[in-house]
Every structure is written in structure tokens, then in C-alpha cells.
Amino acid sequence: MSREAISAPQPELLLAGLLRYGTWLASGVTGMGLAMSLVGVKGAPMVAAGVALFIALPILRVLVMLGAFIHNQDYRLAIVATVVLMTILAGLAIGLSLSNPLAH
């Protein structure tokens, strides 16, 4: 096995770390916001930031896999990952536009 193969992070390990630490970070931010609310400090923006982090995790996962597919020159799966990413982003854009009271 070459030195590059040993030192290069496997996509599975990268994804595992992203999801593990991303979930801990999002949970911590959400928990801090809830704790702030319990002591009377406005914690709603902190809770919203935690939820936004939870929403960002699947997007980041698809981006990491897209990068891995391109790196491995697996262009068929890169196209699939791109379609999935575009679908997620379209759904996010539609959801945000429908939740905006000024857009109606």
C-alpha cells in the first residue's frame, strides 16, 4: 500500500467524523440555547442556529461524497450526487420562499 493511500482519509472515515462531531456540535448549540431560555436569557437564536446545523449536515455529507466521487474519477456517481445536492437545495429554497410572509 502506498504512503498516499495510508495518509489520505477514506470518505467513510471523513463522513463518520463529520456526522459524529457535527451532531455533537449541533446538539451542544441547541442545548445551550435551551439552557439560556431556562435562565431567562433569550436563547431562541441559539436554538435556531443548532437546528440550522442539523439541517446543514446532510448537505455537507453530499458535498463530501461528491468530492470523493470526483477525486476517484467516478463521474457517474458524481452526477448522481450533484442531482441529489440540487434537489436538497431546491427543496430548501422552496421551503424558505414559502415560509417568508412577504413572498405571498
Protein backbone atom coordinates (compact mmCIF):
# COMPACT_ATOMS: atom_id res chain seq x y z
CA MET A 1 0.00 0.00 0.00
CA SER A 2 1.40 3.41 -0.92
CA ARG A 3 2.07 6.16 1.57
CA GLU A 4 -0.59 8.33 -0.13
CA ALA A 5 -3.21 5.62 0.37
CA ILE A 6 -2.37 5.39 4.06
CA SER A 7 -2.33 9.16 4.68
CA ALA A 8 -5.40 10.01 2.59
CA PRO A 9 -8.60 9.91 4.66
CA GLN A 10 -11.16 7.44 3.44
CA PRO A 11 -14.52 9.01 2.58
CA GLU A 12 -16.22 6.75 5.13
CA LEU A 13 -13.95 7.95 7.93
CA LEU A 14 -14.41 11.56 6.89
CA LEU A 15 -18.17 11.13 6.81
CA ALA A 16 -18.21 9.38 10.17
CA GLY A 17 -16.26 12.23 11.76
CA LEU A 18 -18.40 14.87 10.06
CA LEU A 19 -21.63 13.29 11.24
CA ARG A 20 -20.34 12.47 14.74
CA TYR A 21 -18.82 15.84 15.54
CA GLY A 22 -21.41 17.77 13.57
CA THR A 23 -24.19 16.13 15.55
CA TRP A 24 -22.41 16.85 18.82
CA LEU A 25 -21.87 20.48 17.81
CA ALA A 26 -25.49 20.97 16.71
CA SER A 27 -26.75 19.28 19.88
CA GLY A 28 -24.48 21.43 22.04
CA VAL A 29 -25.56 24.66 20.38
CA THR A 30 -29.23 23.69 20.65
CA GLY A 31 -28.78 22.64 24.28
CA MET A 32 -27.05 25.91 25.13
CA GLY A 33 -29.92 27.84 23.60
CA LEU A 34 -32.44 25.84 25.60
CA ALA A 35 -30.42 26.32 28.79
CA MET A 36 -30.24 30.05 28.14
CA SER A 37 -34.02 30.11 27.76
CA LEU A 38 -34.44 28.32 31.09
CA VAL A 39 -32.49 31.01 32.95
CA GLY A 40 -34.37 33.86 31.29
CA VAL A 41 -31.90 34.82 28.59
CA LYS A 42 -33.17 34.88 25.02
CA GLY A 43 -31.86 31.63 23.59
CA ALA A 44 -34.09 31.28 20.54
CA PRO A 45 -31.37 32.42 18.06
CA MET A 46 -29.03 29.82 19.56
CA VAL A 47 -31.66 27.09 19.19
CA ALA A 48 -32.27 28.20 15.60
CA ALA A 49 -28.52 28.01 14.93
CA GLY A 50 -28.46 24.47 16.30
CA VAL A 51 -31.35 23.46 14.07
CA ALA A 52 -29.60 25.08 11.10
CA LEU A 53 -26.53 22.99 11.86
CA PHE A 54 -28.67 19.84 11.90
CA ILE A 55 -30.09 20.84 8.51
CA ALA A 56 -26.60 21.52 7.13
CA LEU A 57 -25.28 18.04 8.00
CA PRO A 58 -26.96 16.16 5.11
CA ILE A 59 -25.88 18.87 2.69
CA LEU A 60 -22.29 18.60 3.91
CA ARG A 61 -22.49 14.81 3.65
CA VAL A 62 -23.50 15.01 -0.01
CA LEU A 63 -20.75 17.58 -0.68
CA VAL A 64 -18.11 15.30 0.88
CA MET A 65 -19.31 12.35 -1.17
CA LEU A 66 -19.37 14.49 -4.33
CA GLY A 67 -15.76 15.45 -3.69
CA ALA A 68 -14.82 11.82 -3.08
CA PHE A 69 -16.52 10.70 -6.29
CA ILE A 70 -14.76 13.37 -8.31
CA HIS A 71 -11.44 12.53 -6.65
CA ASN A 72 -11.91 8.85 -7.52
CA GLN A 73 -12.99 9.81 -11.06
CA ASP A 74 -16.34 8.09 -10.58
CA TYR A 75 -18.23 10.61 -12.66
CA ARG A 76 -21.46 8.61 -12.84
CA LEU A 77 -21.85 8.76 -9.05
CA ALA A 78 -20.66 12.38 -9.07
CA ILE A 79 -23.59 13.22 -11.36
CA VAL A 80 -25.97 11.39 -9.02
CA ALA A 81 -24.55 13.27 -6.02
CA THR A 82 -24.93 16.55 -7.92
CA VAL A 83 -28.58 15.78 -8.67
CA VAL A 84 -29.17 14.92 -5.01
CA LEU A 85 -27.47 18.16 -3.92
CA MET A 86 -29.54 20.21 -6.37
CA THR A 87 -32.71 18.52 -5.12
CA ILE A 88 -31.85 19.29 -1.49
CA LEU A 89 -31.01 22.91 -2.31
CA ALA A 90 -34.18 23.33 -4.40
CA GLY A 91 -36.26 21.97 -1.54
CA LEU A 92 -34.52 24.32 0.88
CA ALA A 93 -35.11 27.30 -1.42
CA ILE A 94 -38.79 26.40 -1.90
CA GLY A 95 -39.24 25.91 1.83
CA LEU A 96 -37.62 29.25 2.63
CA SER A 97 -39.67 31.08 0.00
CA LEU A 98 -42.92 29.58 1.28
CA SER A 99 -42.08 30.45 4.87
CA ASN A 100 -41.42 34.10 4.00
CA PRO A 101 -44.63 36.06 4.69
CA LEU A 102 -43.53 38.84 2.30
CA ALA A 103 -43.38 36.40 -0.62
CA HIS A 104 -47.13 35.69 -0.51
